[in-house]
Protein backbone atom coordinates (compact mmCIF):
# COMPACT_ATOMS: atom_id res chain seq x y z
CA MET A 1 121.95 104.00 123.72
CA ASN A 2 124.28 103.29 120.86
CA GLU A 3 126.24 106.51 121.38
CA ARG A 4 126.88 108.85 124.28
CA ALA A 5 124.63 111.90 124.45
CA ASN A 6 125.94 115.45 124.08
CA MET A 7 123.22 117.04 126.23
CA LEU A 8 121.60 116.31 129.59
CA VAL A 9 118.34 118.05 130.49
CA ALA A 10 117.19 117.26 134.02
CA GLU A 11 114.79 118.82 136.51
CA LEU A 12 116.40 117.53 139.69
CA LEU A 13 117.13 120.72 141.61
CA ASP A 14 115.14 121.66 144.69
CA THR A 15 115.26 124.51 147.19
CA GLU A 16 118.39 123.04 148.77
CA LEU A 17 120.05 122.85 145.36
CA ILE A 18 121.64 119.42 145.83
CA GLY A 19 118.69 117.40 147.08
CA GLU A 20 116.76 114.67 145.31
CA GLY A 21 119.97 112.84 144.45
CA CYS A 22 120.90 115.24 141.67
CA LEU A 23 124.67 115.06 142.24
CA SER A 24 124.78 111.28 142.02
CA THR A 25 122.48 111.37 138.99
CA TYR A 26 124.65 113.93 137.20
CA ARG A 27 127.81 112.03 138.14
CA HIS A 28 126.42 108.76 136.77
CA ALA A 29 125.32 110.46 133.56
CA ALA A 30 128.74 112.10 133.12
CA GLU A 31 130.59 108.83 133.67
CA CYS A 32 128.36 106.48 131.70
CA LEU A 33 126.09 108.34 129.30
CA LEU A 34 127.57 111.68 128.20
CA THR A 35 130.34 112.85 125.92
CA ASP A 36 133.19 114.85 127.46
CA ASP A 37 131.87 118.10 125.95
CA ALA A 38 128.21 117.55 126.87
CA THR A 39 125.96 120.47 127.77
CA LEU A 40 124.02 120.22 131.02
CA VAL A 41 120.72 122.04 131.51
CA PRO A 42 120.66 123.58 134.04
CA TYR A 43 124.43 123.98 134.34
CA ALA A 44 124.68 126.59 137.12
CA ALA A 45 122.76 128.10 140.01
CA ASP A 46 123.05 130.98 142.44
CA LEU A 47 123.03 130.19 146.13
CA PHE A 48 122.00 132.80 148.70
CA VAL A 49 122.54 132.34 152.43
CA GLN A 50 121.69 134.35 155.51
CA VAL A 51 123.43 134.12 158.85
CA SER A 52 121.11 133.98 161.84
CA GLY A 53 121.38 133.37 165.56
CA THR A 54 119.68 130.60 167.50
CA PRO A 55 119.31 130.18 171.26
CA ARG A 56 121.64 127.52 172.67
CA ARG A 57 118.77 125.30 173.85
CA VAL A 58 117.43 125.05 170.30
CA ILE A 59 120.85 124.05 168.99
CA LEU A 60 121.19 121.34 171.65
CA MET A 61 117.77 119.89 170.77
CA SER A 62 118.32 119.82 167.01
CA MET A 63 119.68 116.87 165.09
CA PRO A 64 123.26 116.98 163.79
CA ILE A 65 123.75 118.44 160.34
CA ARG A 66 124.90 115.93 157.76
CA GLN A 67 127.77 117.30 155.73
CA TYR A 68 128.22 116.67 152.04
CA VAL A 69 131.81 115.80 151.26
CA GLY A 70 133.08 115.88 147.73
CA THR A 71 132.94 118.01 144.66
CA MET A 72 132.00 117.45 141.09
CA GLU A 73 133.06 119.24 137.93
CA PHE A 74 131.81 119.00 134.39
CA ASN A 75 134.29 120.33 131.87
């Protein structure tokens, strides 16, 4: 590309919202390919959660949850 783009259109979101490497893809695009005022499509999402209980034996048999650390902002 000769110039940075002013729009990013990507279909990288899944049911977990941050799967399929979308955060690293958006970060790379923001740092290397986009203008500072670029428009991202999609640019937002709603996240719904539900608290539930699980028997202790199920928790002990499950694998540890990997935590995502870090945030990302597009201004």
